[in-house]
Amino acid sequence: MEALKVLFVDDEIDFLETLMKRMKKRGVNVVGVGSGEQALDYLNEQPVDVIVLDVRMPGIGGIHTLREIKKLDPLMEVIMLTGHASIEAAIEGMELGAFDYLMKPADFDELFYKLQDAFKRRTIQKQKIEKLGNLKLTDEKKGAVT
């Protein structure tokens, strides 16, 4: 899974470091930041495949950060994490396009499998778009010839 690059966003630094350490052991290429603002700055500089985003953080929270991420890259898969049981946040996150929603402390195996599933979905979506783009180009070339 060396091709998968994950951005973890969480203001709880101990949790963030533990999460990153455990995922690195599973061969995941990980980067971690402590706020929504830092996540958006990072995404403007570096590409990632999947984001794991805490819902409640100081500054811009997870839901607002999710909205901004989707503006930057509508195909970005985001897994929301929270230590607070909030059905409203889960529903809102899913409506905004989050891939899934997990409660803290997240089971590392479950999170790992969700990362794989999210990466697979993102890859398939990008391939579909690329294929449609190639079909459109082919159709345009055919139209120019006739």
Foldseek 3Di string as FASTA:
>chain_A
DQVAEEEEEAQPVVLQVVLVVVVVVVVYRYDYDHHLVVVVVVVVPDDGQEYEAEQDDPDDGRLSSLLVVCVVPVLHEYEYEYQDPDPPSQVSSVVSPHQYYYYPVGDSVVVNVSSVVSSVSSVVVVVVVVVVVVVVVVVVVVVVVD
